Amino acid sequence: MTAGNGRAAASDGEGAGGRKAVGAGAQAGAAAAAVGRPEGGNAAGPGHASDTVAAVVRQWHAVRPDIDTAPMEIIGRVNRCAALLQQAEDAPLRRAGLTRPEFDVLGTLRRTGHELTPGEIARETFSSGAAVTKRLKQLTERGLVERRGDTRDRRVAHVRLTEAGRDLVDAILPEQLTYETAVLSGLDDHEQSQLAAILGELLAQLEGRLGASRG
């Protein structure tokens, strides 16, 4: 994730882009409501705003009323929000022809401020070595990163941003952050702080349990 890799950058909040941002903000609001709901609450029950996950939960209740769908109401919304943000055509990253994982690589090199090996990039971005190799190949072909061999070990490569890569990160980060601010505008400052704290706690737990298993 970008910073870490997680909070990257920006767009206008007007026109079609603004409408999409508000729609995504509503999805984020649904996630916030799901996370913050008192114990025993049901996202799919009467009185709650309906979203795609609520519809899925209602379908499961119809065919399997014996199962507890509470985890789905949170994890499903987190995954859905992430998918919508990844696919948003009006996002600056998409307009620049970058995926979030590619920008994570560029952002990691920019924020650390020095060369990294592919293995170090994989650890920083919580990605597999194969995935990082593919991203580095694409970014190298675009002239955004470059490699140099290690003078002592030819099996090791060191990766750094090119001038074009650095300029792109510096230009697009403020734009992406402004865009993400618009996306979250459906939540007030207190709701955003609550959601960030709860997601941070969940992430720390998952990193401690699942991250350790990845080595």
N, C-alpha and C. Protein backbone atom coordinates (compact mmCIF):
# COMPACT_ATOMS: atom_id res chain seq x y z
N MET A 1 0.84 -1.19 0.00
CA MET A 1 0.00 0.00 0.00
C MET A 1 0.87 1.24 0.00
N THR A 2 0.33 2.32 -0.53
CA THR A 2 1.11 3.54 -0.51
C THR A 2 0.83 4.26 0.77
N ALA A 3 1.36 4.51 1.46
CA ALA A 3 1.59 5.04 2.72
C ALA A 3 0.94 5.73 3.80
N GLY A 4 1.60 5.48 4.22
CA GLY A 4 2.48 4.78 3.37
C GLY A 4 1.91 4.79 2.09
N ASN A 5 2.10 4.16 1.38
CA ASN A 5 1.55 3.97 0.07
C ASN A 5 0.05 4.06 0.12
N GLY A 6 -0.54 4.34 1.12
CA GLY A 6 -1.95 4.19 1.13
C GLY A 6 -2.74 5.38 0.83
N ARG A 7 -2.27 6.54 1.05
CA ARG A 7 -3.15 7.68 0.90
C ARG A 7 -2.81 8.49 -0.33
N ALA A 8 -2.50 7.99 -1.40
CA ALA A 8 -2.11 8.77 -2.54
C ALA A 8 -3.24 9.62 -3.06
N ALA A 9 -3.37 10.47 -3.77
CA ALA A 9 -3.81 11.65 -4.33
C ALA A 9 -4.97 12.11 -5.16
N ALA A 10 -5.63 12.71 -5.95
CA ALA A 10 -6.37 13.79 -6.29
C ALA A 10 -7.26 14.14 -7.45
N SER A 11 -8.18 14.82 -7.59
CA SER A 11 -8.83 15.26 -8.81
C SER A 11 -9.81 16.31 -8.45
N ASP A 12 -10.48 16.88 -9.41
CA ASP A 12 -11.49 17.85 -9.10
C ASP A 12 -12.71 17.13 -8.54
N GLY A 13 -13.54 17.85 -7.80
CA GLY A 13 -14.74 17.24 -7.25
C GLY A 13 -15.97 17.67 -8.00
N GLU A 14 -15.80 18.13 -9.26
CA GLU A 14 -16.93 18.66 -10.00
C GLU A 14 -17.20 17.82 -11.22
N GLY A 15 -18.37 18.04 -11.84
CA GLY A 15 -18.71 17.36 -13.07
C GLY A 15 -18.88 15.88 -12.84
N ALA A 16 -18.62 15.08 -13.93
CA ALA A 16 -18.80 13.63 -13.85
C ALA A 16 -17.88 13.06 -12.81
N GLY A 17 -16.63 13.56 -12.73
CA GLY A 17 -15.70 13.05 -11.73
C GLY A 17 -16.24 13.26 -10.34
N GLY A 18 -16.83 14.47 -10.10
CA GLY A 18 -17.37 14.75 -8.78
C GLY A 18 -18.50 13.82 -8.44
N ARG A 19 -19.37 13.53 -9.42
CA ARG A 19 -20.48 12.62 -9.16
C ARG A 19 -19.99 11.24 -8.81
N LYS A 20 -18.96 10.77 -9.53
CA LYS A 20 -18.40 9.47 -9.21
C LYS A 20 -17.77 9.48 -7.83
N ALA A 21 -17.09 10.58 -7.50
CA ALA A 21 -16.45 10.66 -6.19
C ALA A 21 -17.49 10.60 -5.08
N VAL A 22 -18.61 11.30 -5.27
CA VAL A 22 -19.65 11.27 -4.25
C VAL A 22 -20.21 9.87 -4.13
N GLY A 23 -20.39 9.18 -5.27
CA GLY A 23 -20.90 7.82 -5.23
C GLY A 23 -19.96 6.91 -4.47
N ALA A 24 -18.65 7.06 -4.73
CA ALA A 24 -17.69 6.24 -4.00
C ALA A 24 -17.69 6.62 -2.54
N GLY A 25 -17.90 7.94 -2.25
CA GLY A 25 -17.96 8.37 -0.87
C GLY A 25 -19.13 7.73 -0.14
N ALA A 26 -20.24 7.55 -0.86
CA ALA A 26 -21.39 6.90 -0.25
C ALA A 26 -21.06 5.46 0.10
N GLN A 27 -20.30 4.80 -0.78
CA GLN A 27 -19.87 3.44 -0.48
C GLN A 27 -18.99 3.42 0.75
N ALA A 28 -18.08 4.39 0.84
CA ALA A 28 -17.22 4.46 2.02
C ALA A 28 -18.06 4.72 3.26
N GLY A 29 -19.10 5.57 3.12
CA GLY A 29 -19.98 5.82 4.25
C GLY A 29 -20.68 4.56 4.71
N ALA A 30 -21.09 3.72 3.75
CA ALA A 30 -21.72 2.46 4.12
C ALA A 30 -20.75 1.59 4.89
N ALA A 31 -19.48 1.59 4.46
CA ALA A 31 -18.47 0.80 5.17
C ALA A 31 -18.28 1.34 6.58
N ALA A 32 -18.26 2.66 6.71
CA ALA A 32 -18.09 3.26 8.03
C ALA A 32 -19.24 2.87 8.95
N ALA A 33 -20.45 2.92 8.39
CA ALA A 33 -21.61 2.56 9.20
C ALA A 33 -21.54 1.12 9.63
N ALA A 34 -21.08 0.24 8.71
CA ALA A 34 -20.99 -1.17 9.04
C ALA A 34 -19.98 -1.41 10.13
N VAL A 35 -18.81 -0.75 10.02
CA VAL A 35 -17.77 -0.95 11.01
C VAL A 35 -18.18 -0.42 12.36
N GLY A 36 -18.90 0.73 12.37
CA GLY A 36 -19.22 1.38 13.62
C GLY A 36 -20.53 0.92 14.24
N ARG A 37 -21.25 -0.01 13.62
CA ARG A 37 -22.55 -0.43 14.12
C ARG A 37 -22.43 -1.17 15.43
N PRO A 38 -23.28 -0.89 16.40
CA PRO A 38 -23.23 -1.60 17.68
C PRO A 38 -23.40 -3.09 17.47
N GLU A 39 -22.90 -3.86 18.44
CA GLU A 39 -22.95 -5.32 18.35
C GLU A 39 -24.39 -5.77 18.19
N GLY A 40 -24.58 -6.70 17.27
CA GLY A 40 -25.91 -7.24 17.04
C GLY A 40 -26.65 -6.53 15.93
N GLY A 41 -26.09 -5.41 15.41
CA GLY A 41 -26.73 -4.70 14.31
C GLY A 41 -26.66 -5.50 13.04
N ASN A 42 -27.60 -5.24 12.12
CA ASN A 42 -27.63 -5.98 10.87
C ASN A 42 -27.69 -4.99 9.73
N ALA A 43 -26.64 -4.96 8.89
CA ALA A 43 -26.57 -3.99 7.80
C ALA A 43 -27.72 -4.17 6.82
N ALA A 44 -28.24 -5.41 6.73
CA ALA A 44 -29.27 -5.67 5.74
C ALA A 44 -30.67 -5.48 6.30
N GLY A 45 -30.76 -5.15 7.59
CA GLY A 45 -32.06 -5.06 8.22
C GLY A 45 -32.80 -3.78 7.88
N PRO A 46 -34.03 -3.64 8.34
CA PRO A 46 -34.83 -2.46 8.06
C PRO A 46 -34.17 -1.21 8.62
N GLY A 47 -34.31 -0.09 7.91
CA GLY A 47 -33.79 1.17 8.42
C GLY A 47 -32.37 1.46 7.99
N HIS A 48 -31.68 0.51 7.38
CA HIS A 48 -30.31 0.72 6.94
C HIS A 48 -30.28 0.98 5.43
N ALA A 49 -29.40 1.89 5.03
CA ALA A 49 -29.25 2.16 3.60
C ALA A 49 -28.86 0.88 2.88
N SER A 50 -29.44 0.69 1.71
CA SER A 50 -29.16 -0.53 0.96
C SER A 50 -27.99 -0.31 0.02
N ASP A 51 -27.06 -1.24 0.01
CA ASP A 51 -25.96 -1.24 -0.95
C ASP A 51 -25.84 -2.64 -1.52
N THR A 52 -24.85 -2.86 -2.37
CA THR A 52 -24.74 -4.16 -3.03
C THR A 52 -24.47 -5.27 -2.02
N VAL A 53 -23.69 -4.98 -0.99
CA VAL A 53 -23.39 -6.01 0.01
C VAL A 53 -24.64 -6.35 0.81
N ALA A 54 -25.45 -5.33 1.14
CA ALA A 54 -26.69 -5.59 1.85
C ALA A 54 -27.59 -6.52 1.05
N ALA A 55 -27.63 -6.32 -0.26
CA ALA A 55 -28.44 -7.19 -1.12
C ALA A 55 -27.92 -8.62 -1.09
N VAL A 56 -26.60 -8.77 -1.14
CA VAL A 56 -26.00 -10.10 -1.08
C VAL A 56 -26.33 -10.78 0.25
N VAL A 57 -26.23 -10.01 1.34
CA VAL A 57 -26.53 -10.56 2.67
C VAL A 57 -27.98 -11.02 2.74
N ARG A 58 -28.90 -10.22 2.21
CA ARG A 58 -30.31 -10.62 2.22
C ARG A 58 -30.51 -11.92 1.45
N GLN A 59 -29.81 -12.09 0.34
CA GLN A 59 -29.93 -13.33 -0.43
C GLN A 59 -29.42 -14.53 0.36
N TRP A 60 -28.29 -14.34 1.07
CA TRP A 60 -27.76 -15.43 1.89
C TRP A 60 -28.73 -15.76 3.03
N HIS A 61 -29.34 -14.73 3.63
CA HIS A 61 -30.30 -14.98 4.71
C HIS A 61 -31.49 -15.79 4.20
N ALA A 62 -31.85 -15.56 2.95
CA ALA A 62 -33.00 -16.26 2.39
C ALA A 62 -32.71 -17.74 2.19
N VAL A 63 -31.50 -18.07 1.73
CA VAL A 63 -31.19 -19.48 1.43
C VAL A 63 -30.49 -20.19 2.59
N ARG A 64 -29.80 -19.40 3.45
CA ARG A 64 -29.12 -19.99 4.60
C ARG A 64 -29.34 -19.14 5.84
N PRO A 65 -30.56 -19.14 6.37
CA PRO A 65 -30.86 -18.29 7.53
C PRO A 65 -30.10 -18.72 8.79
N ASP A 66 -29.45 -19.86 8.73
CA ASP A 66 -28.74 -20.37 9.90
C ASP A 66 -27.33 -19.80 10.06
N ILE A 67 -26.79 -19.11 9.03
CA ILE A 67 -25.40 -18.64 9.12
C ILE A 67 -25.35 -17.18 9.54
N ASP A 68 -24.24 -16.82 10.20
CA ASP A 68 -24.01 -15.46 10.65
C ASP A 68 -23.22 -14.72 9.57
N THR A 69 -23.84 -13.72 8.96
CA THR A 69 -23.20 -12.99 7.86
C THR A 69 -22.49 -11.72 8.33
N ALA A 70 -22.36 -11.53 9.64
CA ALA A 70 -21.75 -10.30 10.15
C ALA A 70 -20.36 -10.02 9.55
N PRO A 71 -19.46 -11.01 9.45
CA PRO A 71 -18.15 -10.73 8.85
C PRO A 71 -18.26 -10.24 7.41
N MET A 72 -19.20 -10.82 6.66
CA MET A 72 -19.40 -10.43 5.27
C MET A 72 -19.81 -8.96 5.17
N GLU A 73 -20.56 -8.49 6.16
CA GLU A 73 -21.05 -7.12 6.12
C GLU A 73 -19.92 -6.11 6.27
N ILE A 74 -18.80 -6.52 6.85
CA ILE A 74 -17.64 -5.64 6.97
C ILE A 74 -16.62 -5.93 5.87
N ILE A 75 -16.16 -7.18 5.79
CA ILE A 75 -15.14 -7.53 4.80
C ILE A 75 -15.65 -7.32 3.38
N GLY A 76 -16.91 -7.66 3.15
CA GLY A 76 -17.49 -7.49 1.82
C GLY A 76 -17.49 -6.02 1.42
N ARG A 77 -17.81 -5.14 2.36
CA ARG A 77 -17.83 -3.71 2.04
C ARG A 77 -16.42 -3.16 1.84
N VAL A 78 -15.47 -3.61 2.64
CA VAL A 78 -14.08 -3.17 2.45
C VAL A 78 -13.61 -3.57 1.06
N ASN A 79 -13.87 -4.82 0.68
CA ASN A 79 -13.45 -5.30 -0.64
C ASN A 79 -14.16 -4.56 -1.77
N ARG A 80 -15.44 -4.29 -1.58
CA ARG A 80 -16.21 -3.59 -2.62
C ARG A 80 -15.72 -2.16 -2.78
N CYS A 81 -15.48 -1.47 -1.66
CA CYS A 81 -14.95 -0.11 -1.75
C CYS A 81 -13.60 -0.10 -2.45
N ALA A 82 -12.73 -1.06 -2.10
CA ALA A 82 -11.41 -1.13 -2.73
C ALA A 82 -11.54 -1.36 -4.22
N ALA A 83 -12.45 -2.25 -4.63
CA ALA A 83 -12.63 -2.54 -6.05
C ALA A 83 -13.13 -1.30 -6.81
N LEU A 84 -14.08 -0.58 -6.22
CA LEU A 84 -14.61 0.62 -6.87
C LEU A 84 -13.53 1.68 -7.03
N LEU A 85 -12.70 1.85 -6.01
CA LEU A 85 -11.63 2.83 -6.09
C LEU A 85 -10.58 2.43 -7.12
N GLN A 86 -10.29 1.13 -7.21
CA GLN A 86 -9.32 0.65 -8.18
C GLN A 86 -9.81 0.87 -9.61
N GLN A 87 -11.13 0.75 -9.80
CA GLN A 87 -11.70 0.79 -11.16
C GLN A 87 -12.14 2.18 -11.59
N ALA A 88 -12.07 3.15 -10.68
CA ALA A 88 -12.60 4.48 -10.99
C ALA A 88 -11.86 5.13 -12.16
N GLU A 89 -12.58 5.33 -13.25
CA GLU A 89 -11.95 5.87 -14.46
C GLU A 89 -11.52 7.33 -14.29
N ASP A 90 -12.16 8.06 -13.35
CA ASP A 90 -11.83 9.46 -13.19
C ASP A 90 -10.67 9.68 -12.22
N ALA A 91 -10.13 8.63 -11.64
CA ALA A 91 -9.03 8.77 -10.70
C ALA A 91 -7.75 9.18 -11.44
N PRO A 92 -6.97 10.08 -10.87
CA PRO A 92 -5.72 10.52 -11.52
C PRO A 92 -4.78 9.37 -11.86
N LEU A 93 -4.71 8.37 -11.01
CA LEU A 93 -3.83 7.23 -11.32
C LEU A 93 -4.25 6.56 -12.62
N ARG A 94 -5.54 6.35 -12.77
CA ARG A 94 -6.04 5.70 -13.99
C ARG A 94 -5.78 6.57 -15.21
N ARG A 95 -5.97 7.87 -15.05
CA ARG A 95 -5.74 8.77 -16.18
C ARG A 95 -4.27 8.78 -16.58
N ALA A 96 -3.40 8.54 -15.62
CA ALA A 96 -1.96 8.49 -15.91
C ALA A 96 -1.53 7.12 -16.42
N GLY A 97 -2.48 6.18 -16.52
CA GLY A 97 -2.15 4.84 -17.00
C GLY A 97 -1.44 3.99 -15.98
N LEU A 98 -1.64 4.28 -14.70
CA LEU A 98 -1.00 3.53 -13.63
C LEU A 98 -2.03 2.76 -12.82
N THR A 99 -1.68 1.55 -12.42
CA THR A 99 -2.48 0.84 -11.44
C THR A 99 -2.01 1.25 -10.05
N ARG A 100 -2.83 0.99 -9.05
CA ARG A 100 -2.42 1.29 -7.68
C ARG A 100 -1.14 0.52 -7.30
N PRO A 101 -1.02 -0.77 -7.62
CA PRO A 101 0.22 -1.47 -7.28
C PRO A 101 1.46 -0.86 -7.96
N GLU A 102 1.31 -0.40 -9.20
CA GLU A 102 2.45 0.25 -9.87
C GLU A 102 2.82 1.55 -9.17
N PHE A 103 1.78 2.30 -8.79
CA PHE A 103 2.07 3.55 -8.08
C PHE A 103 2.68 3.28 -6.72
N ASP A 104 2.30 2.16 -6.10
CA ASP A 104 2.90 1.79 -4.83
C ASP A 104 4.40 1.60 -4.98
N VAL A 105 4.82 0.99 -6.08
CA VAL A 105 6.26 0.80 -6.33
C VAL A 105 6.95 2.16 -6.49
N LEU A 106 6.36 3.01 -7.32
CA LEU A 106 6.94 4.34 -7.53
C LEU A 106 6.95 5.14 -6.22
N GLY A 107 5.85 5.09 -5.49
CA GLY A 107 5.76 5.82 -4.24
C GLY A 107 6.74 5.32 -3.20
N THR A 108 6.98 4.02 -3.18
CA THR A 108 7.94 3.45 -2.23
C THR A 108 9.35 3.96 -2.52
N LEU A 109 9.72 3.97 -3.79
CA LEU A 109 11.05 4.47 -4.17
C LEU A 109 11.17 5.96 -3.86
N ARG A 110 10.07 6.70 -4.03
CA ARG A 110 10.12 8.15 -3.79
C ARG A 110 10.21 8.45 -2.30
N ARG A 111 9.40 7.80 -1.49
CA ARG A 111 9.35 8.15 -0.07
C ARG A 111 10.56 7.64 0.70
N THR A 112 11.16 6.52 0.26
CA THR A 112 12.36 6.04 0.94
C THR A 112 13.58 6.85 0.53
N GLY A 113 13.57 7.37 -0.70
CA GLY A 113 14.62 8.28 -1.14
C GLY A 113 15.93 7.63 -1.52
N HIS A 114 15.91 6.32 -1.74
CA HIS A 114 17.15 5.66 -2.16
C HIS A 114 16.82 4.40 -2.95
N GLU A 115 17.83 3.79 -3.51
CA GLU A 115 17.64 2.57 -4.29
C GLU A 115 17.16 1.44 -3.39
N LEU A 116 16.37 0.55 -4.00
CA LEU A 116 15.89 -0.63 -3.30
C LEU A 116 16.05 -1.84 -4.21
N THR A 117 16.23 -3.00 -3.62
CA THR A 117 16.24 -4.22 -4.39
C THR A 117 14.79 -4.64 -4.63
N PRO A 118 14.53 -5.47 -5.62
CA PRO A 118 13.16 -5.96 -5.82
C PRO A 118 12.60 -6.64 -4.58
N GLY A 119 13.43 -7.36 -3.86
CA GLY A 119 12.97 -8.00 -2.64
C GLY A 119 12.53 -6.99 -1.59
N GLU A 120 13.28 -5.90 -1.46
CA GLU A 120 12.90 -4.86 -0.52
C GLU A 120 11.60 -4.18 -0.94
N ILE A 121 11.43 -3.98 -2.23
CA ILE A 121 10.18 -3.39 -2.73
C ILE A 121 9.01 -4.33 -2.44
N ALA A 122 9.22 -5.62 -2.62
CA ALA A 122 8.17 -6.60 -2.34
C ALA A 122 7.74 -6.53 -0.88
N ARG A 123 8.71 -6.42 0.03
CA ARG A 123 8.38 -6.33 1.45
C ARG A 123 7.67 -5.02 1.77
N GLU A 124 8.14 -3.93 1.19
CA GLU A 124 7.54 -2.63 1.46
C GLU A 124 6.10 -2.54 0.96
N THR A 125 5.83 -3.19 -0.16
CA THR A 125 4.49 -3.10 -0.76
C THR A 125 3.63 -4.33 -0.45
N PHE A 126 4.17 -5.23 0.36
CA PHE A 126 3.46 -6.45 0.73
C PHE A 126 2.98 -7.20 -0.52
N SER A 127 3.92 -7.42 -1.44
CA SER A 127 3.61 -8.09 -2.71
C SER A 127 4.51 -9.29 -2.88
N SER A 128 4.15 -10.15 -3.81
CA SER A 128 5.01 -11.29 -4.13
C SER A 128 6.16 -10.83 -5.01
N GLY A 129 7.24 -11.60 -5.00
CA GLY A 129 8.38 -11.28 -5.85
C GLY A 129 8.01 -11.27 -7.32
N ALA A 130 7.17 -12.23 -7.72
CA ALA A 130 6.77 -12.32 -9.13
C ALA A 130 5.97 -11.09 -9.54
N ALA A 131 5.09 -10.62 -8.66
CA ALA A 131 4.28 -9.44 -8.97
C ALA A 131 5.16 -8.20 -9.11
N VAL A 132 6.14 -8.06 -8.22
CA VAL A 132 7.04 -6.91 -8.28
C VAL A 132 7.87 -6.96 -9.55
N THR A 133 8.35 -8.14 -9.92
CA THR A 133 9.13 -8.29 -11.15
C THR A 133 8.33 -7.82 -12.36
N LYS A 134 7.05 -8.19 -12.41
CA LYS A 134 6.19 -7.78 -13.53
C LYS A 134 6.00 -6.26 -13.54
N ARG A 135 5.75 -5.69 -12.37
CA ARG A 135 5.54 -4.24 -12.30
C ARG A 135 6.81 -3.48 -12.68
N LEU A 136 7.95 -3.96 -12.21
CA LEU A 136 9.21 -3.29 -12.53
C LEU A 136 9.48 -3.34 -14.04
N LYS A 137 9.14 -4.45 -14.66
CA LYS A 137 9.32 -4.57 -16.11
C LYS A 137 8.48 -3.52 -16.83
N GLN A 138 7.22 -3.37 -16.42
CA GLN A 138 6.34 -2.40 -17.07
C GLN A 138 6.80 -0.97 -16.82
N LEU A 139 7.23 -0.70 -15.59
CA LEU A 139 7.67 0.65 -15.26
C LEU A 139 9.00 0.99 -15.93
N THR A 140 9.85 -0.01 -16.08
CA THR A 140 11.12 0.21 -16.79
C THR A 140 10.87 0.52 -18.25
N GLU A 141 9.94 -0.21 -18.87
CA GLU A 141 9.61 0.03 -20.27
C GLU A 141 9.04 1.43 -20.48
N ARG A 142 8.40 1.98 -19.47
CA ARG A 142 7.85 3.34 -19.57
C ARG A 142 8.88 4.40 -19.19
N GLY A 143 10.07 3.96 -18.81
CA GLY A 143 11.13 4.90 -18.47
C GLY A 143 10.96 5.57 -17.12
N LEU A 144 10.20 4.92 -16.20
CA LEU A 144 9.93 5.50 -14.90
C LEU A 144 10.88 5.00 -13.81
N VAL A 145 11.43 3.80 -14.01
CA VAL A 145 12.44 3.27 -13.09
C VAL A 145 13.58 2.71 -13.92
N GLU A 146 14.71 2.54 -13.26
CA GLU A 146 15.85 1.90 -13.92
C GLU A 146 16.57 1.01 -12.92
N ARG A 147 17.25 0.01 -13.46
CA ARG A 147 17.97 -0.94 -12.62
C ARG A 147 19.47 -0.80 -12.85
N ARG A 148 20.21 -1.17 -11.86
CA ARG A 148 21.65 -1.33 -12.03
C ARG A 148 22.07 -2.58 -11.30
N GLY A 149 23.03 -3.29 -11.84
CA GLY A 149 23.50 -4.51 -11.21
C GLY A 149 24.38 -4.23 -10.01
N ASP A 150 24.40 -5.17 -9.08
CA ASP A 150 25.27 -5.06 -7.92
C ASP A 150 26.69 -5.43 -8.33
N THR A 151 27.66 -4.62 -7.91
CA THR A 151 29.05 -4.87 -8.32
C THR A 151 29.62 -6.13 -7.67
N ARG A 152 29.03 -6.55 -6.55
CA ARG A 152 29.56 -7.72 -5.85
C ARG A 152 28.76 -8.99 -6.09
N ASP A 153 27.49 -8.83 -6.43
CA ASP A 153 26.64 -10.00 -6.64
C ASP A 153 25.77 -9.73 -7.87
N ARG A 154 26.07 -10.40 -8.95
CA ARG A 154 25.38 -10.15 -10.22
C ARG A 154 23.92 -10.59 -10.18
N ARG A 155 23.58 -11.39 -9.17
CA ARG A 155 22.19 -11.82 -9.05
C ARG A 155 21.30 -10.73 -8.45
N VAL A 156 21.91 -9.72 -7.88
CA VAL A 156 21.16 -8.66 -7.19
C VAL A 156 21.04 -7.43 -8.09
N ALA A 157 19.85 -6.85 -8.11
CA ALA A 157 19.62 -5.61 -8.86
C ALA A 157 19.20 -4.52 -7.89
N HIS A 158 19.55 -3.30 -8.23
CA HIS A 158 19.13 -2.14 -7.44
C HIS A 158 18.25 -1.27 -8.33
N VAL A 159 17.13 -0.86 -7.78
CA VAL A 159 16.13 -0.13 -8.56
C VAL A 159 16.02 1.30 -8.02
N ARG A 160 15.90 2.25 -8.93
CA ARG A 160 15.71 3.64 -8.55
C ARG A 160 14.78 4.31 -9.54
N LEU A 161 14.22 5.42 -9.09
CA LEU A 161 13.38 6.22 -9.98
C LEU A 161 14.24 6.96 -11.00
N THR A 162 13.73 7.06 -12.22
CA THR A 162 14.35 7.97 -13.18
C THR A 162 13.83 9.38 -12.88
N GLU A 163 14.39 10.36 -13.55
CA GLU A 163 13.89 11.72 -13.37
C GLU A 163 12.43 11.82 -13.76
N ALA A 164 12.05 11.10 -14.83
CA ALA A 164 10.66 11.11 -15.27
C ALA A 164 9.76 10.46 -14.22
N GLY A 165 10.24 9.39 -13.60
CA GLY A 165 9.47 8.72 -12.57
C GLY A 165 9.25 9.60 -11.36
N ARG A 166 10.31 10.27 -10.95
CA ARG A 166 10.21 11.19 -9.81
C ARG A 166 9.24 12.32 -10.11
N ASP A 167 9.34 12.89 -11.30
CA ASP A 167 8.45 13.99 -11.68
C ASP A 167 7.00 13.54 -11.70
N LEU A 168 6.77 12.31 -12.19
CA LEU A 168 5.40 11.80 -12.26
C LEU A 168 4.81 11.63 -10.87
N VAL A 169 5.58 11.04 -9.96
CA VAL A 169 5.09 10.85 -8.59
C VAL A 169 4.77 12.20 -7.95
N ASP A 170 5.69 13.15 -8.09
CA ASP A 170 5.50 14.45 -7.47
C ASP A 170 4.30 15.20 -8.06
N ALA A 171 4.02 14.96 -9.33
CA ALA A 171 2.89 15.63 -9.97
C ALA A 171 1.56 14.98 -9.62
N ILE A 172 1.54 13.65 -9.56
CA ILE A 172 0.27 12.95 -9.43
C ILE A 172 -0.16 12.77 -7.98
N LEU A 173 0.78 12.78 -7.04
CA LEU A 173 0.41 12.54 -5.64
C LEU A 173 -0.57 13.59 -5.12
N PRO A 174 -0.33 14.89 -5.30
CA PRO A 174 -1.32 15.87 -4.83
C PRO A 174 -2.68 15.71 -5.51
N GLU A 175 -2.67 15.38 -6.80
CA GLU A 175 -3.93 15.19 -7.52
C GLU A 175 -4.71 14.01 -6.95
N GLN A 176 -4.01 12.90 -6.70
CA GLN A 176 -4.68 11.72 -6.19
C GLN A 176 -5.22 11.95 -4.78
N LEU A 177 -4.46 12.68 -3.97
CA LEU A 177 -4.92 12.98 -2.62
C LEU A 177 -6.16 13.87 -2.64
N THR A 178 -6.19 14.83 -3.54
CA THR A 178 -7.37 15.68 -3.66
C THR A 178 -8.58 14.86 -4.10
N TYR A 179 -8.35 13.94 -5.04
CA TYR A 179 -9.41 13.05 -5.50
C TYR A 179 -9.95 12.20 -4.35
N GLU A 180 -9.05 11.65 -3.55
CA GLU A 180 -9.48 10.79 -2.45
C GLU A 180 -10.18 11.59 -1.36
N THR A 181 -9.79 12.86 -1.20
CA THR A 181 -10.51 13.74 -0.28
C THR A 181 -11.95 13.90 -0.73
N ALA A 182 -12.15 14.07 -2.03
CA ALA A 182 -13.51 14.20 -2.58
C ALA A 182 -14.29 12.90 -2.39
N VAL A 183 -13.63 11.77 -2.58
CA VAL A 183 -14.28 10.48 -2.40
C VAL A 183 -14.81 10.33 -0.98
N LEU A 184 -14.05 10.82 -0.01
CA LEU A 184 -14.42 10.66 1.39
C LEU A 184 -15.30 11.78 1.92
N SER A 185 -15.67 12.72 1.05
CA SER A 185 -16.40 13.90 1.49
C SER A 185 -17.78 13.59 2.04
N GLY A 186 -18.31 12.40 1.76
CA GLY A 186 -19.59 12.01 2.33
C GLY A 186 -19.53 11.71 3.81
N LEU A 187 -18.32 11.61 4.35
CA LEU A 187 -18.11 11.39 5.79
C LEU A 187 -17.54 12.66 6.40
N ASP A 188 -18.02 13.03 7.58
CA ASP A 188 -17.45 14.21 8.23
C ASP A 188 -16.10 13.85 8.86
N ASP A 189 -15.41 14.85 9.39
CA ASP A 189 -14.06 14.63 9.92
C ASP A 189 -14.05 13.58 11.03
N HIS A 190 -15.06 13.62 11.90
CA HIS A 190 -15.11 12.66 13.00
C HIS A 190 -15.30 11.24 12.48
N GLU A 191 -16.21 11.09 11.51
CA GLU A 191 -16.45 9.75 10.94
C GLU A 191 -15.20 9.23 10.24
N GLN A 192 -14.49 10.11 9.52
CA GLN A 192 -13.26 9.69 8.86
C GLN A 192 -12.21 9.26 9.88
N SER A 193 -12.09 10.01 10.98
CA SER A 193 -11.12 9.65 12.01
C SER A 193 -11.47 8.31 12.65
N GLN A 194 -12.76 8.11 12.91
CA GLN A 194 -13.21 6.84 13.48
C GLN A 194 -12.90 5.68 12.55
N LEU A 195 -13.26 5.86 11.28
CA LEU A 195 -13.04 4.80 10.30
C LEU A 195 -11.56 4.49 10.15
N ALA A 196 -10.72 5.54 10.09
CA ALA A 196 -9.29 5.34 9.96
C ALA A 196 -8.73 4.59 11.16
N ALA A 197 -9.20 4.92 12.36
CA ALA A 197 -8.70 4.26 13.57
C ALA A 197 -9.11 2.79 13.60
N ILE A 198 -10.36 2.51 13.24
CA ILE A 198 -10.85 1.13 13.27
C ILE A 198 -10.14 0.30 12.21
N LEU A 199 -10.01 0.84 10.99
CA LEU A 199 -9.30 0.12 9.94
C LEU A 199 -7.83 -0.07 10.30
N GLY A 200 -7.23 0.94 10.95
CA GLY A 200 -5.85 0.81 11.38
C GLY A 200 -5.66 -0.30 12.38
N GLU A 201 -6.61 -0.41 13.31
CA GLU A 201 -6.55 -1.48 14.30
C GLU A 201 -6.69 -2.85 13.64
N LEU A 202 -7.63 -2.95 12.71
CA LEU A 202 -7.82 -4.21 11.99
C LEU A 202 -6.58 -4.56 11.18
N LEU A 203 -6.01 -3.57 10.49
CA LEU A 203 -4.83 -3.81 9.67
C LEU A 203 -3.65 -4.28 10.52
N ALA A 204 -3.46 -3.65 11.67
CA ALA A 204 -2.36 -4.05 12.55
C ALA A 204 -2.52 -5.50 13.00
N GLN A 205 -3.76 -5.89 13.30
CA GLN A 205 -4.01 -7.27 13.70
C GLN A 205 -3.73 -8.24 12.56
N LEU A 206 -4.20 -7.88 11.35
CA LEU A 206 -4.01 -8.75 10.20
C LEU A 206 -2.53 -8.86 9.83
N GLU A 207 -1.82 -7.73 9.88
CA GLU A 207 -0.39 -7.76 9.57
C GLU A 207 0.37 -8.61 10.56
N GLY A 208 -0.04 -8.53 11.84
CA GLY A 208 0.62 -9.33 12.85
C GLY A 208 0.37 -10.81 12.68
N ARG A 209 -0.84 -11.16 12.23
CA ARG A 209 -1.20 -12.58 12.12
C ARG A 209 -0.90 -13.14 10.73
N LEU A 210 -1.41 -12.44 9.70
CA LEU A 210 -1.25 -12.95 8.33
C LEU A 210 0.07 -12.53 7.71
N GLY A 211 0.55 -11.32 8.05
CA GLY A 211 1.81 -10.85 7.51
C GLY A 211 2.97 -11.71 7.96
N ALA A 212 2.94 -12.14 9.22
CA ALA A 212 4.02 -12.99 9.73
C ALA A 212 4.07 -14.33 8.99
N SER A 213 2.89 -14.83 8.59
CA SER A 213 2.86 -16.12 7.90
C SER A 213 3.46 -16.05 6.50
N ARG A 214 3.51 -14.84 5.93
CA ARG A 214 4.12 -14.67 4.61
C ARG A 214 5.63 -14.65 4.68
N GLY A 215 6.15 -14.43 5.89
CA GLY A 215 7.60 -14.34 6.05
C GLY A 215 8.03 -13.00 5.60
